[in-house]
Amino acid sequence: MWRQQDLWGALGGGSNTPANRRSVPETPDEHLANVAAYPKRPRQLIACPLMHGTGLFSSLGTLTGGGAVITLAEPRFRAEELLDALERRRADSAVIVGDAFARPIAEALEAEPGRWDLSALRVVISSGVMFSMEVKQRLLERVPQLKIADLFGSSEAIGFGTSTVSADSAERTARFKIGENCKVFTEDHREVVPGSGERGFVARTGPIPLGYYKDPEASQKTFPTIAGRRYSIPGDWCTVAADGTLTLLGRGSVCINSGGEKIYPEEVEETLKTHPDVADAIVVGLPDPRFGEIVTAVVEFHPGAAPDAEGLREYARQRLAAYKVPRRVVPIERVPRSPSGKPDFASAKSYAQAQA
């Protein structure tokens, strides 16, 4: 439950107008003056559903900055439709949700180089899921003027961190510059010392939601008061380097406990998706009498690729610690994801259990 004032503040009070990036306008007239002082009007194509925070919050920022929001007509995402719309509408930015959107876009650009005029496109924004550096680089090879802004946030808070890459700069997957008013806390709400290597949950104070609708127990857990300040802690594990850089490990609710070791599915998924035969993957934990849970990969292979479970495990073994390597690889025709591009862990786990 967001109060309008808090959401407005979290979005920067019209963040497309640089004049007020440091302070939120207190009156409509003050905001309109900021908009008038910045004559460029953004044209933003939003590929993800507007019922998802990434799409909704992005559209609010664009519209309140006096810009135009472009949406797609087809009910299911298709990269060619997005690229057609970017060219036709001369959009200067696009909003997607990680690899689920970016990978098909890269494949379309590689399959038909030169088909689309994307000279107006300057920024691609993503939030909500892991966005691998490999796919970012594929986009930059085809659209070299791009800046790709990977934003670390959630429906429960905006602005945990940012990671921006361009053709002449690079960053590792899931590494972010920590946002303002953010800290990292352990499960018992002790602040993690930067550079210690200790894992914790990223937290943000400032303008945050009131809580979950009619769920005081979940609200208390996600929005605790620590040292007199109220924080939003959605449950994303990370480490924080000495320079304040965050490395996102994954959401605690899907963390796999195998033989006492904590394994974050996102790290394993990102490794598997770098294999040339893999189109997509979701990693889950299946019950096991000896280890508690075993790492299981539900993998969508590219058309024409022969599923090679042992070959994929060997590929992962060369890149991950042994306890993180999937014990099982379960092929699937299409990896289950929500319309917003987020992995559907429950469906993937049910499928894997049925196949096992």
Protein backbone atom coordinates (compact mmCIF):
# COMPACT_ATOMS: atom_id res chain seq x y z
CA MET A 1 0.00 0.00 0.00
CA TRP A 2 1.68 3.15 -1.28
CA ARG A 3 0.55 6.61 -0.27
CA GLN A 4 0.62 8.88 -3.30
CA GLN A 5 3.05 11.27 -1.59
CA ASP A 6 5.48 8.46 -0.75
CA LEU A 7 5.39 6.97 -4.24
CA TRP A 8 5.85 10.43 -5.75
CA GLY A 9 8.87 10.97 -3.54
CA ALA A 10 10.32 7.52 -4.29
CA LEU A 11 10.00 8.22 -8.02
CA GLY A 12 11.86 11.48 -7.60
CA GLY A 13 8.85 13.74 -8.02
CA GLY A 14 9.04 13.73 -11.82
CA SER A 15 12.47 12.21 -12.32
CA ASN A 16 12.58 13.07 -16.03
CA THR A 17 13.14 16.71 -15.08
CA PRO A 18 16.76 17.13 -13.90
CA ALA A 19 15.92 20.43 -12.17
CA ASN A 20 14.29 18.56 -9.29
CA ARG A 21 16.40 15.41 -9.01
CA ARG A 22 17.67 16.51 -5.62
CA SER A 23 14.38 17.66 -4.14
CA VAL A 24 10.75 16.69 -4.62
CA PRO A 25 8.53 19.65 -5.62
CA GLU A 26 6.02 20.57 -2.93
CA THR A 27 3.32 22.04 -5.18
CA PRO A 28 1.95 21.30 -8.69
CA ASP A 29 3.11 24.74 -9.84
CA GLU A 30 6.67 24.00 -8.69
CA HIS A 31 6.61 20.71 -10.58
CA LEU A 32 5.24 22.34 -13.74
CA ALA A 33 8.01 24.93 -13.56
CA ASN A 34 10.55 22.11 -13.41
CA VAL A 35 8.97 20.43 -16.42
CA ALA A 36 8.93 23.70 -18.39
CA ALA A 37 12.62 24.24 -17.62
CA TYR A 38 13.46 20.96 -19.35
CA PRO A 39 12.00 21.14 -22.89
CA LYS A 40 12.90 17.60 -24.03
CA ARG A 41 9.85 15.33 -23.79
CA PRO A 42 10.69 11.64 -23.34
CA ARG A 43 9.12 9.00 -25.61
CA GLN A 44 9.25 5.73 -23.71
CA LEU A 45 8.16 2.31 -24.93
CA ILE A 46 7.11 0.05 -22.07
CA ALA A 47 7.26 -3.62 -23.09
CA CYS A 48 6.31 -5.17 -19.73
CA PRO A 49 2.75 -5.21 -18.34
CA LEU A 50 1.58 -2.06 -16.57
CA MET A 51 0.28 -4.17 -13.68
CA HIS A 52 3.94 -4.85 -12.83
CA GLY A 53 5.86 -2.29 -10.80
CA THR A 54 8.57 -1.82 -13.43
CA GLY A 55 6.04 -0.86 -16.10
CA LEU A 56 3.73 1.15 -13.87
CA PHE A 57 6.37 3.18 -12.05
CA SER A 58 8.24 3.90 -15.30
CA SER A 59 5.06 5.13 -16.99
CA LEU A 60 4.24 7.42 -14.06
CA GLY A 61 7.70 8.98 -14.22
CA THR A 62 7.46 9.56 -17.97
CA LEU A 63 3.92 10.97 -17.93
CA THR A 64 4.55 13.36 -15.03
CA GLY A 65 7.61 14.61 -16.90
CA GLY A 66 5.37 15.61 -19.81
CA GLY A 67 6.39 12.67 -21.97
CA ALA A 68 4.62 9.99 -23.99
CA VAL A 69 4.22 6.33 -23.07
CA ILE A 70 4.15 3.82 -25.94
CA THR A 71 2.64 0.37 -25.37
CA LEU A 72 2.45 -2.77 -27.47
CA ALA A 73 -0.79 -4.17 -28.90
CA GLU A 74 -0.19 -7.92 -28.91
CA PRO A 75 -1.11 -9.84 -25.71
CA ARG A 76 2.13 -11.86 -25.76
CA PHE A 77 5.56 -10.28 -26.03
CA ARG A 78 7.15 -10.50 -29.47
CA ALA A 79 10.54 -8.89 -30.09
CA GLU A 80 9.74 -7.97 -33.70
CA GLU A 81 6.67 -5.98 -32.61
CA LEU A 82 8.75 -4.08 -30.06
CA LEU A 83 11.46 -3.26 -32.61
CA ASP A 84 8.86 -2.15 -35.18
CA ALA A 85 7.30 0.17 -32.59
CA LEU A 86 10.67 1.60 -31.51
CA GLU A 87 11.45 2.48 -35.11
CA ARG A 88 7.98 3.81 -36.01
CA ARG A 89 7.49 5.91 -32.85
CA ARG A 90 11.13 7.09 -32.63
CA ALA A 91 11.22 6.11 -28.96
CA ASP A 92 14.26 7.31 -27.02
CA SER A 93 13.92 4.73 -24.23
CA ALA A 94 12.48 1.28 -23.66
CA VAL A 95 11.51 -0.54 -20.46
CA ILE A 96 11.90 -4.32 -20.22
CA VAL A 97 12.35 -6.97 -17.53
CA GLY A 98 15.72 -8.67 -17.85
CA ASP A 99 16.76 -11.55 -20.06
CA ALA A 100 13.20 -12.78 -20.72
CA PHE A 101 12.71 -9.68 -22.88
CA ALA A 102 16.28 -8.78 -23.82
CA ARG A 103 17.37 -12.16 -25.14
CA PRO A 104 14.62 -12.39 -27.84
CA ILE A 105 15.37 -8.76 -28.81
CA ALA A 106 19.07 -9.58 -29.24
CA GLU A 107 18.22 -12.70 -31.26
CA ALA A 108 15.93 -10.71 -33.58
CA LEU A 109 18.59 -8.05 -34.16
CA GLU A 110 21.20 -10.72 -34.87
CA ALA A 111 18.91 -12.60 -37.24
CA GLU A 112 18.08 -9.51 -39.34
CA PRO A 113 20.85 -6.93 -38.97
CA GLY A 114 19.99 -3.58 -40.49
CA ARG A 115 16.23 -4.20 -40.60
CA TRP A 116 15.35 -1.65 -37.89
CA ASP A 117 16.41 2.00 -37.59
CA LEU A 118 16.99 2.42 -33.86
CA SER A 119 19.02 5.64 -34.10
CA ALA A 120 16.58 7.45 -31.77
CA LEU A 121 16.93 4.87 -29.00
CA ARG A 122 19.26 5.98 -26.23
CA VAL A 123 18.35 4.04 -23.06
CA VAL A 124 17.05 0.58 -22.16
CA ILE A 125 15.80 0.25 -18.58
CA SER A 126 15.28 -3.04 -16.76
CA SER A 127 14.22 -3.94 -13.24
CA GLY A 128 12.73 -6.81 -11.29
CA VAL A 129 14.95 -9.76 -12.29
CA MET A 130 18.54 -10.66 -13.06
CA PHE A 131 19.81 -9.13 -16.32
CA SER A 132 22.93 -10.96 -17.48
CA MET A 133 25.98 -9.10 -18.78
CA GLU A 134 26.23 -11.50 -21.73
CA VAL A 135 22.82 -10.41 -23.06
CA LYS A 136 23.54 -6.73 -22.35
CA GLN A 137 26.68 -7.00 -24.47
CA ARG A 138 24.74 -8.59 -27.34
CA LEU A 139 22.36 -5.61 -27.35
CA LEU A 140 25.22 -3.13 -27.24
CA GLU A 141 26.90 -4.81 -30.22
CA ARG A 142 23.78 -4.15 -32.32
CA VAL A 143 22.80 -0.76 -30.86
CA PRO A 144 26.15 0.76 -29.82
CA GLN A 145 24.79 4.17 -28.72
CA LEU A 146 22.72 2.54 -25.97
CA LYS A 147 23.04 2.95 -22.25
CA ILE A 148 21.52 0.05 -20.34
CA ALA A 149 20.23 0.93 -16.87
CA ASP A 150 19.67 -2.10 -14.65
CA LEU A 151 17.68 -0.90 -11.62
CA PHE A 152 17.56 -2.89 -8.39
CA GLY A 153 14.15 -2.38 -6.80
CA SER A 154 10.82 -4.02 -6.06
CA SER A 155 7.15 -3.25 -5.48
CA GLU A 156 8.06 -2.75 -1.81
CA ALA A 157 10.75 -0.13 -2.43
CA ILE A 158 12.36 1.83 -5.25
CA GLY A 159 16.05 2.60 -5.50
CA PHE A 160 18.10 -0.16 -3.84
CA GLY A 161 20.80 0.23 -6.47
CA THR A 162 21.73 0.93 -10.08
CA SER A 163 24.05 -0.63 -12.65
CA THR A 164 24.63 1.25 -15.90
CA VAL A 165 26.63 -0.08 -18.84
CA SER A 166 27.43 1.19 -22.33
CA ALA A 167 29.62 0.11 -25.23
CA ASP A 168 32.73 1.57 -23.57
CA SER A 169 32.04 0.37 -20.03
CA ALA A 170 31.10 -2.88 -18.36
CA GLU A 171 29.94 -4.26 -15.03
CA ARG A 172 29.43 -7.75 -13.68
CA THR A 173 25.98 -9.31 -13.60
CA ALA A 174 24.01 -8.45 -10.43
CA ARG A 175 26.46 -5.82 -9.18
CA PHE A 176 24.96 -2.44 -8.25
CA LYS A 177 25.91 0.94 -6.90
CA ILE A 178 23.97 1.19 -3.64
CA GLY A 179 21.11 3.68 -3.56
CA GLU A 180 20.56 6.56 -1.16
CA ASN A 181 19.03 5.71 2.24
CA CYS A 182 19.98 2.03 1.78
CA LYS A 183 21.78 -0.34 4.12
CA VAL A 184 22.35 -4.09 4.42
CA PHE A 185 21.17 -5.92 7.55
CA THR A 186 21.55 -9.48 8.83
CA GLU A 187 18.47 -11.53 9.72
CA ASP A 188 18.64 -10.20 13.30
CA HIS A 189 18.81 -6.59 12.02
CA ARG A 190 22.51 -6.06 12.65
CA GLU A 191 24.09 -3.81 10.02
CA VAL A 192 26.56 -5.58 7.73
CA VAL A 193 29.99 -3.97 7.64
CA PRO A 194 30.98 -3.08 4.05
CA GLY A 195 33.82 -5.27 2.84
CA SER A 196 33.26 -7.94 5.49
CA GLY A 197 31.89 -10.50 3.01
CA GLU A 198 28.96 -11.17 5.33
CA ARG A 199 25.63 -11.77 3.62
CA GLY A 200 22.55 -9.77 4.50
CA PHE A 201 19.29 -8.29 3.27
CA VAL A 202 19.26 -4.97 1.44
CA ALA A 203 17.00 -2.39 3.10
CA ARG A 204 15.74 1.08 2.25
CA THR A 205 14.30 3.84 4.40
CA GLY A 206 12.69 7.11 3.31
CA PRO A 207 9.52 7.06 1.17
CA ILE A 208 8.30 3.44 1.32
CA PRO A 209 4.87 1.74 1.42
CA LEU A 210 2.64 1.66 4.49
CA GLY A 211 2.56 -2.14 4.34
CA TYR A 212 0.64 -5.00 2.75
CA TYR A 213 -3.13 -4.73 2.48
CA LYS A 214 -4.84 -6.48 5.40
CA ASP A 215 -1.70 -8.46 6.30
CA PRO A 216 -0.15 -6.97 9.45
CA GLU A 217 2.12 -9.98 10.02
CA ALA A 218 3.78 -9.74 6.61
CA SER A 219 3.91 -5.94 6.95
CA GLN A 220 5.75 -6.18 10.27
CA LYS A 221 8.31 -8.57 8.79
CA THR A 222 8.95 -6.63 5.56
CA PHE A 223 8.73 -3.10 7.02
CA PRO A 224 10.46 -3.28 10.43
CA THR A 225 11.64 -0.36 12.53
CA ILE A 226 15.40 -0.54 13.18
CA ALA A 227 17.14 1.99 15.44
CA GLY A 228 14.10 4.25 15.27
CA ARG A 229 13.82 4.23 11.44
CA ARG A 230 11.32 2.31 9.36
CA TYR A 231 12.80 0.21 6.52
CA SER A 232 11.59 -1.86 3.60
CA ILE A 233 13.30 -5.27 3.49
CA PRO A 234 11.69 -7.39 0.74
CA GLY A 235 14.13 -10.28 1.27
CA ASP A 236 16.92 -9.91 -1.32
CA TRP A 237 20.22 -11.38 -0.13
CA CYS A 238 23.40 -9.54 -1.06
CA THR A 239 26.92 -8.70 0.02
CA VAL A 240 28.31 -5.16 0.21
CA ALA A 241 31.87 -4.31 -0.81
CA ALA A 242 34.08 -1.78 0.95
CA ASP A 243 33.16 0.84 -1.67
CA GLY A 244 29.44 0.29 -1.05
CA THR A 245 28.86 -1.80 -4.17
CA LEU A 246 26.11 -4.40 -3.79
CA THR A 247 26.32 -7.89 -5.26
CA LEU A 248 22.83 -9.34 -5.46
CA LEU A 249 22.66 -13.03 -4.54
CA GLY A 250 18.93 -13.69 -4.82
CA ARG A 251 15.56 -13.67 -3.08
CA GLY A 252 15.61 -15.48 0.25
CA SER A 253 12.27 -17.17 -0.33
CA VAL A 254 13.71 -19.31 -3.16
CA CYS A 255 17.12 -19.96 -1.61
CA ILE A 256 18.03 -23.68 -1.73
CA ASN A 257 19.46 -25.35 1.38
CA SER A 258 21.47 -28.38 0.28
CA GLY A 259 23.53 -30.15 2.91
CA GLY A 260 23.63 -26.96 4.99
CA GLU A 261 24.89 -24.81 2.11
CA LYS A 262 22.81 -21.85 0.90
CA ILE A 263 22.49 -21.78 -2.88
CA TYR A 264 20.91 -18.86 -4.70
CA PRO A 265 19.12 -20.06 -7.86
CA GLU A 266 19.88 -16.88 -9.81
CA GLU A 267 23.65 -17.51 -9.75
CA VAL A 268 23.23 -21.03 -11.13
CA GLU A 269 20.67 -19.87 -13.72
CA GLU A 270 22.97 -17.14 -15.04
CA THR A 271 25.75 -19.69 -15.49
CA LEU A 272 23.53 -22.19 -17.32
CA LYS A 273 22.16 -19.51 -19.65
CA THR A 274 25.66 -18.77 -20.96
CA HIS A 275 25.76 -22.25 -22.53
CA PRO A 276 25.18 -21.91 -26.30
CA ASP A 277 22.45 -24.60 -26.32
CA VAL A 278 20.40 -23.05 -23.47
CA ALA A 279 17.60 -20.59 -24.22
CA ASP A 280 16.36 -20.19 -20.63
CA ALA A 281 16.55 -21.87 -17.22
CA ILE A 282 15.00 -21.87 -13.77
CA VAL A 283 16.72 -23.53 -10.82
CA VAL A 284 14.74 -24.98 -7.90
CA GLY A 285 15.34 -27.18 -4.89
CA LEU A 286 13.68 -30.62 -4.77
CA PRO A 287 13.30 -32.60 -1.52
CA ASP A 288 16.08 -35.08 -0.80
CA PRO A 289 16.37 -37.41 2.23
CA ARG A 290 20.14 -36.96 2.53
CA PHE A 291 20.77 -33.31 1.66
CA GLY A 292 17.39 -31.78 2.49
CA GLU A 293 17.18 -30.31 -1.01
CA ILE A 294 19.05 -30.94 -4.24
CA VAL A 295 19.71 -28.35 -6.93
CA THR A 296 17.53 -29.05 -9.96
CA ALA A 297 17.63 -27.13 -13.24
CA VAL A 298 14.56 -26.84 -15.46
CA VAL A 299 16.09 -25.98 -18.83
CA GLU A 300 14.66 -24.75 -22.13
CA PHE A 301 17.05 -25.68 -24.92
CA HIS A 302 17.30 -23.83 -28.23
CA PRO A 303 15.32 -25.42 -31.11
CA GLY A 304 17.45 -28.07 -32.75
CA ALA A 305 19.79 -28.47 -29.77
CA ALA A 306 20.00 -31.96 -28.31
CA PRO A 307 19.40 -31.86 -24.54
CA ASP A 308 22.64 -33.05 -22.95
CA ALA A 309 22.15 -33.11 -19.20
CA GLU A 310 25.59 -34.43 -18.32
CA GLY A 311 27.30 -32.04 -20.73
CA LEU A 312 25.47 -29.10 -19.17
CA ARG A 313 26.39 -30.27 -15.66
CA GLU A 314 30.04 -30.50 -16.70
CA TYR A 315 29.82 -26.99 -18.15
CA ALA A 316 28.45 -25.73 -14.81
CA ARG A 317 31.06 -27.68 -12.85
CA GLN A 318 33.83 -25.73 -14.56
CA ARG A 319 32.26 -22.42 -13.48
CA LEU A 320 30.61 -23.04 -10.11
CA ALA A 321 31.48 -24.59 -6.77
CA ALA A 322 30.67 -28.30 -6.79
CA TYR A 323 27.75 -28.01 -4.35
CA LYS A 324 26.01 -25.50 -6.67
CA VAL A 325 26.07 -27.74 -9.75
CA PRO A 326 22.58 -29.11 -10.56
CA ARG A 327 22.17 -32.74 -9.58
CA ARG A 328 19.35 -33.01 -12.11
CA VAL A 329 18.66 -31.28 -15.41
CA VAL A 330 15.03 -31.44 -16.53
CA PRO A 331 14.33 -30.35 -20.13
CA ILE A 332 11.14 -28.34 -20.76
CA GLU A 333 9.58 -26.95 -23.92
CA ARG A 334 9.21 -23.45 -22.45
CA VAL A 335 10.42 -22.16 -19.07
CA PRO A 336 7.41 -20.91 -17.07
CA ARG A 337 7.44 -17.15 -16.48
CA SER A 338 4.84 -14.58 -15.52
CA PRO A 339 3.70 -11.97 -18.10
CA SER A 340 6.15 -9.56 -16.46
CA GLY A 341 9.06 -11.90 -17.22
CA LYS A 342 9.64 -13.05 -13.65
CA PRO A 343 10.41 -16.76 -13.14
CA ASP A 344 7.50 -18.91 -11.98
CA PHE A 345 9.37 -21.01 -9.42
CA ALA A 346 6.25 -22.84 -8.20
CA SER A 347 5.32 -24.10 -11.68
CA ALA A 348 8.92 -25.04 -12.46
CA LYS A 349 9.22 -26.97 -9.20
CA SER A 350 5.94 -28.84 -9.80
CA TYR A 351 7.07 -29.77 -13.30
CA ALA A 352 10.47 -30.95 -12.07
CA GLN A 353 8.87 -33.06 -9.32
CA ALA A 354 6.48 -34.67 -11.82
CA GLN A 355 9.35 -35.53 -14.17
CA ALA A 356 11.45 -36.91 -11.31
